[in-house]
Protein backbone atom coordinates (compact mmCIF):
# COMPACT_ATOMS: atom_id res chain seq x y z
CA MET A 1 7.87 -4.36 -22.30
CA GLY A 2 10.20 -6.94 -23.84
CA TYR A 3 14.00 -7.06 -23.93
CA ASP A 4 15.80 -5.24 -26.77
CA VAL A 5 16.67 -7.87 -29.40
CA ALA A 6 20.05 -6.18 -29.95
CA ARG A 7 21.15 -7.23 -26.45
CA PHE A 8 21.12 -10.95 -27.34
CA GLN A 9 23.93 -13.05 -28.76
CA GLY A 10 23.00 -14.66 -32.10
CA ASP A 11 19.59 -14.88 -33.72
CA VAL A 12 16.40 -15.06 -31.66
CA ASP A 13 13.56 -17.36 -32.77
CA GLU A 14 10.64 -15.28 -34.05
CA ASP A 15 8.28 -17.24 -31.77
CA LEU A 16 10.05 -15.57 -28.84
CA ILE A 17 9.35 -12.05 -30.11
CA CYS A 18 6.42 -10.08 -28.71
CA PRO A 19 4.16 -8.90 -31.59
CA ILE A 20 3.27 -5.74 -29.66
CA CYS A 21 6.68 -4.30 -28.64
CA SER A 22 8.88 -6.34 -31.02
CA GLY A 23 11.19 -7.19 -28.13
CA VAL A 24 12.10 -10.59 -26.70
CA LEU A 25 9.28 -11.82 -24.47
CA GLU A 26 9.41 -10.68 -20.85
CA GLU A 27 7.11 -12.45 -18.35
CA PRO A 28 5.31 -14.05 -21.31
CA VAL A 29 1.64 -15.06 -21.36
CA GLN A 30 -0.42 -16.71 -24.07
CA ALA A 31 -3.92 -16.49 -25.50
CA PRO A 32 -5.26 -20.08 -25.15
CA HIS A 33 -7.16 -20.35 -28.44
CA CYS A 34 -4.82 -18.77 -30.98
CA GLU A 35 -1.67 -19.49 -28.89
CA HIS A 36 -0.10 -16.11 -29.61
CA ALA A 37 2.35 -15.06 -26.89
CA PHE A 38 2.95 -11.55 -25.54
CA CYS A 39 4.84 -9.76 -22.79
CA ASN A 40 2.53 -9.58 -19.79
CA ALA A 41 2.89 -5.78 -19.53
CA CYS A 42 2.32 -5.28 -23.25
CA ILE A 43 -0.90 -7.29 -23.49
CA THR A 44 -2.26 -5.80 -20.26
CA GLN A 45 -1.80 -2.31 -21.68
CA TRP A 46 -3.34 -3.44 -24.98
CA PHE A 47 -6.45 -4.76 -23.20
CA SER A 48 -7.00 -1.36 -21.60
CA GLN A 49 -8.03 -0.19 -25.08
CA GLN A 50 -9.55 -3.28 -26.72
CA GLN A 51 -10.37 -6.89 -25.85
CA THR A 52 -8.95 -8.64 -28.92
CA CYS A 53 -5.80 -10.51 -29.90
CA PRO A 54 -3.33 -8.03 -31.48
CA VAL A 55 -2.43 -10.63 -34.14
CA ASP A 56 -5.67 -12.18 -35.42
CA ARG A 57 -8.27 -9.90 -33.71
CA SER A 58 -10.04 -12.83 -32.01
CA VAL A 59 -11.84 -12.00 -28.76
CA VAL A 60 -9.46 -12.32 -25.78
CA THR A 61 -9.55 -10.87 -22.25
CA VAL A 62 -7.11 -10.80 -19.36
CA ALA A 63 -9.01 -13.68 -17.75
CA HIS A 64 -8.26 -15.86 -20.78
CA LEU A 65 -4.47 -15.45 -20.59
CA ARG A 66 -2.34 -18.42 -19.51
CA PRO A 67 1.43 -18.99 -18.96
CA VAL A 68 3.32 -20.00 -22.07
CA PRO A 69 4.34 -23.69 -22.46
CA ARG A 70 7.42 -24.96 -20.65
CA ILE A 71 9.32 -25.50 -23.89
CA MET A 72 8.99 -21.80 -24.72
CA ARG A 73 10.12 -20.83 -21.20
CA ASN A 74 13.14 -23.11 -21.57
CA MET A 75 14.03 -21.54 -24.93
CA LEU A 76 13.86 -18.09 -23.39
CA SER A 77 15.94 -19.04 -20.34
CA LYS A 78 18.83 -20.26 -22.52
CA LEU A 79 19.18 -17.03 -24.50
CA GLN A 80 22.43 -15.13 -23.88
CA ILE A 81 21.90 -11.45 -23.00
CA THR A 82 24.22 -8.56 -22.18
CA CYS A 83 24.00 -6.93 -18.78
CA ASP A 84 21.68 -3.95 -18.24
CA ASN A 85 24.74 -2.07 -17.00
CA ALA A 86 26.70 -2.40 -20.24
CA VAL A 87 26.51 1.39 -20.65
CA PHE A 88 28.28 1.72 -17.28
CA GLY A 89 31.10 -0.60 -18.31
CA CYS A 90 29.85 -4.14 -17.60
CA THR A 91 30.90 -6.61 -20.30
CA ALA A 92 29.12 -9.66 -18.86
CA VAL A 93 26.91 -11.87 -21.06
CA VAL A 94 24.65 -14.19 -19.06
CA ARG A 95 21.75 -16.55 -19.57
CA LEU A 96 18.43 -14.75 -19.43
CA ASP A 97 17.28 -16.79 -16.41
CA ASN A 98 20.44 -15.68 -14.53
CA LEU A 99 20.12 -11.99 -15.41
CA MET A 100 18.44 -10.84 -12.17
CA ALA A 101 20.98 -12.66 -9.98
CA HIS A 102 23.80 -11.02 -11.94
CA LEU A 103 22.25 -7.54 -11.65
CA ASN A 104 22.04 -7.86 -7.87
CA ASP A 105 25.81 -8.38 -7.65
CA CYS A 106 26.98 -6.41 -10.69
CA GLU A 107 29.69 -3.97 -9.58
CA HIS A 108 28.67 -1.63 -12.40
CA ASN A 109 25.06 -1.43 -11.18
CA PRO A 110 24.47 2.27 -10.32
CA LYS A 111 21.76 1.27 -7.82
CA ARG A 112 23.88 -1.30 -5.98
CA PRO A 113 23.91 -0.44 -2.24
CA VAL A 114 27.25 0.88 -0.99
CA THR A 115 28.33 2.24 2.39
CA CYS A 116 29.80 5.69 2.89
CA GLU A 117 33.40 5.37 4.13
CA GLN A 118 33.83 9.07 4.92
CA GLY A 119 32.44 8.84 8.43
CA CYS A 120 28.64 8.57 8.58
CA GLY A 121 28.30 4.94 7.45
CA LEU A 122 25.10 5.61 5.49
CA GLU A 123 24.10 2.94 2.98
CA MET A 124 22.93 4.37 -0.35
CA PRO A 125 22.76 3.58 -4.11
CA LYS A 126 26.16 3.75 -5.77
CA ASP A 127 25.17 6.58 -8.14
CA GLU A 128 24.26 8.81 -5.16
CA LEU A 129 27.65 8.47 -3.48
CA PRO A 130 29.46 11.22 -5.50
CA ASN A 131 26.92 13.82 -4.34
CA HIS A 132 26.71 12.55 -0.76
CA ASN A 133 27.61 14.96 2.07
CA CYS A 134 28.11 13.39 5.52
CA ILE A 135 27.54 16.64 7.40
CA LYS A 136 24.31 17.35 5.52
CA HIS A 137 23.11 13.81 6.17
CA LEU A 138 23.91 13.94 9.89
CA ARG A 139 22.22 17.34 10.17
CA SER A 140 19.13 15.81 8.59
CA VAL A 141 19.23 12.94 11.10
CA VAL A 142 19.45 15.43 13.99
CA GLN A 143 16.51 17.41 12.63
CA GLN A 144 14.43 14.24 12.30
CA GLN A 145 15.26 13.29 15.89
CA GLN A 146 14.31 16.77 17.08
CA LEU A 147 10.97 16.52 15.31
CA ARG A 148 10.40 13.10 16.86
CA ILE A 149 11.22 14.42 20.34
CA ALA A 150 8.84 17.34 19.80
CA ASP A 151 6.07 14.92 18.79
CA LEU A 152 6.74 12.78 21.87
CA GLU A 153 6.66 15.84 24.12
CA LYS A 154 3.38 16.93 22.55
CA THR A 155 1.90 13.47 23.07
CA SER A 156 3.13 13.45 26.67
CA ALA A 157 1.58 16.87 27.32
CA GLU A 158 -1.74 15.71 25.87
CA HIS A 159 -1.62 12.58 28.03
CA LYS A 160 -0.94 14.66 31.15
CA HIS A 161 -3.87 16.90 30.27
CA GLN A 162 -6.16 13.89 29.87
CA LEU A 163 -4.93 12.45 33.16
CA ALA A 164 -5.63 15.75 34.92
CA GLU A 165 -9.16 15.73 33.50
CA GLN A 166 -9.65 12.16 34.71
CA LYS A 167 -8.49 13.10 38.21
CA ARG A 168 -10.89 16.04 38.25
CA ASP A 169 -13.72 13.76 37.15
CA ILE A 170 -12.85 11.36 39.98
CA GLN A 171 -13.02 14.12 42.55
CA LEU A 172 -16.36 15.28 41.18
CA LEU A 173 -17.71 11.74 41.22
CA LYS A 174 -16.58 11.18 44.81
CA ALA A 175 -18.19 14.47 45.87
CA TYR A 176 -21.36 13.43 44.05
CA MET A 177 -21.36 10.11 45.87
CA ARG A 178 -20.95 11.78 49.25
CA ALA A 179 -23.86 14.05 48.46
CA ILE A 180 -26.07 11.13 47.41
CA ARG A 181 -25.16 9.07 50.48
CA SER A 182 -25.97 12.00 52.74
CA VAL A 183 -29.48 11.93 51.30
CA ASN A 184 -29.88 8.13 51.07
CA PRO A 185 -27.19 6.04 52.78
CA ASN A 186 -28.72 2.79 51.45
CA LEU A 187 -27.63 3.24 47.81
CA GLN A 188 -25.23 0.28 48.03
CA ASN A 189 -25.40 -0.65 44.30
CA LEU A 190 -24.34 2.82 43.25
CA GLU A 191 -21.38 2.62 45.60
CA GLU A 192 -20.29 -0.66 44.03
CA THR A 193 -20.17 0.89 40.58
CA ILE A 194 -17.22 3.06 41.64
CA GLU A 195 -15.37 0.52 43.80
CA TYR A 196 -11.83 0.34 42.44
CA ASN A 197 -12.89 3.42 40.51
CA GLU A 198 -9.67 4.79 39.06
CA ILE A 199 -5.90 4.36 38.77
CA LEU A 200 -4.28 7.71 39.52
CA GLU A 201 -0.64 7.22 38.54
CA SER A 202 -1.12 5.73 35.08
CA GLN A 203 -3.67 4.09 32.80
CA ARG A 204 -5.59 1.11 34.06
CA PRO A 205 -4.22 -2.38 33.46
CA GLN A 206 -6.34 -4.41 31.07
CA GLY A 207 -7.83 -6.54 33.85
CA LEU A 208 -9.23 -3.43 35.57
CA ALA A 209 -9.99 -1.34 32.48
CA THR A 210 -13.79 -1.48 32.67
CA LEU A 211 -16.47 -2.09 35.27
CA GLU A 212 -17.15 -5.44 33.61
CA THR A 213 -13.52 -6.62 33.85
CA ARG A 214 -13.24 -5.34 37.42
CA GLN A 215 -16.31 -7.32 38.43
CA MET A 216 -15.05 -10.40 36.56
CA ASN A 217 -11.63 -10.24 38.27
CA ARG A 218 -12.98 -9.31 41.68
CA ARG A 219 -12.14 -12.74 43.08
CA TYR A 220 -8.45 -12.08 42.44
CA TYR A 221 -8.30 -8.89 44.54
CA GLU A 222 -7.38 -10.79 47.69
CA ASN A 223 -4.19 -12.01 45.97
CA TYR A 224 -2.75 -8.50 45.68
CA VAL A 225 0.23 -7.54 47.81
CA ALA A 226 -0.78 -4.00 48.74
CA LYS A 227 0.12 -1.19 51.15
CA ARG A 228 -2.22 1.38 52.61
CA ILE A 229 -1.86 5.06 51.92
CA PRO A 230 -1.98 6.69 55.37
CA GLY A 231 -5.05 8.85 55.81
CA LYS A 232 -6.49 7.86 52.42
CA GLN A 233 -9.17 5.41 51.35
CA ALA A 234 -6.75 3.76 48.94
CA VAL A 235 -3.94 1.24 48.61
CA VAL A 236 -0.72 1.15 46.56
CA VAL A 237 -0.08 -1.96 44.45
CA MET A 238 3.53 -2.22 43.24
CA ALA A 239 4.26 -4.30 40.11
CA CYS A 240 7.53 -5.62 41.59
CA GLU A 241 5.59 -7.15 44.49
CA ASN A 242 2.78 -8.56 42.33
CA GLN A 243 4.48 -10.47 39.55
CA HIS A 244 2.28 -13.44 40.45
CA MET A 245 -0.82 -11.47 39.38
CA GLY A 246 -0.08 -11.38 35.65
CA GLU A 247 0.49 -8.48 33.25
CA ASP A 248 -3.22 -7.67 32.86
CA MET A 249 -3.63 -6.90 36.58
CA VAL A 250 -0.62 -4.65 37.30
CA LEU A 251 1.30 -1.80 35.73
CA GLU A 252 4.89 -0.58 36.04
CA PRO A 253 5.89 0.81 38.49
CA GLY A 254 2.58 0.49 40.31
CA LEU A 255 -0.91 1.88 40.72
CA VAL A 256 -3.18 3.45 43.33
CA MET A 257 -6.61 1.89 43.93
CA ILE A 258 -9.47 4.03 45.23
CA PHE A 259 -12.24 2.32 47.23
CA ALA A 260 -15.83 3.53 47.49
CA HIS A 261 -16.34 2.68 51.16
CA GLY A 262 -13.03 2.25 52.90
CA VAL A 263 -9.88 0.23 52.32
CA GLU A 264 -10.37 -3.48 52.65
CA GLU A 265 -7.67 -5.76 54.04
CA ILE A 266 -6.09 -7.54 51.08
């Protein structure tokens, strides 16, 4: 919709008036054949009902519209207009092309961001300040934080549950392997599929996330600085001792590696 003609100083050329809303052109566009100009919003709404020029009824569509000539844009930019906040006490009259810059800094703008000086420091639109209550705001912040903590605790509980299920699956798989090997101790390939089978303390690092990545990075295993777990077929790899391995091969603070057929010296 165009600007109210009454806001402008002096007479406005009729070529700068939108024939749809009768206001001064705002974001003007032009039909290329008949050269009639309209506010972009006005003509877009018009085309939702019919595909013709509102002035001479010639066939026009949105695709046909073009920006108005530079001379018309220059004429519009030089018009003198009163501030949008005149009803709130602003007496400024500015060039149309400077209107937006003025509105951003206008002290009478009811939506200009201001900071509460009563204690909470919240930034809000100026017109909301009279009804602002610091205690109510801070209580809302606390409630939001409590909800966030509850969500984090729920996510943590779900993660722990998934980790427990993974550990149980590992134990079942190891028992299954022992049973298979007791029947046929030559199933070497099956053993290899669970070598470096799981990380017990946390999720796997990216470099050990799948059997494919573990096989691909196998040549790097000997570079780990690792410590045995007494009495276990596993080693502990601490991130602080393996910074040379890269982020995709370690996790903070560390991880436990399970081996299918004994701990190798690495």
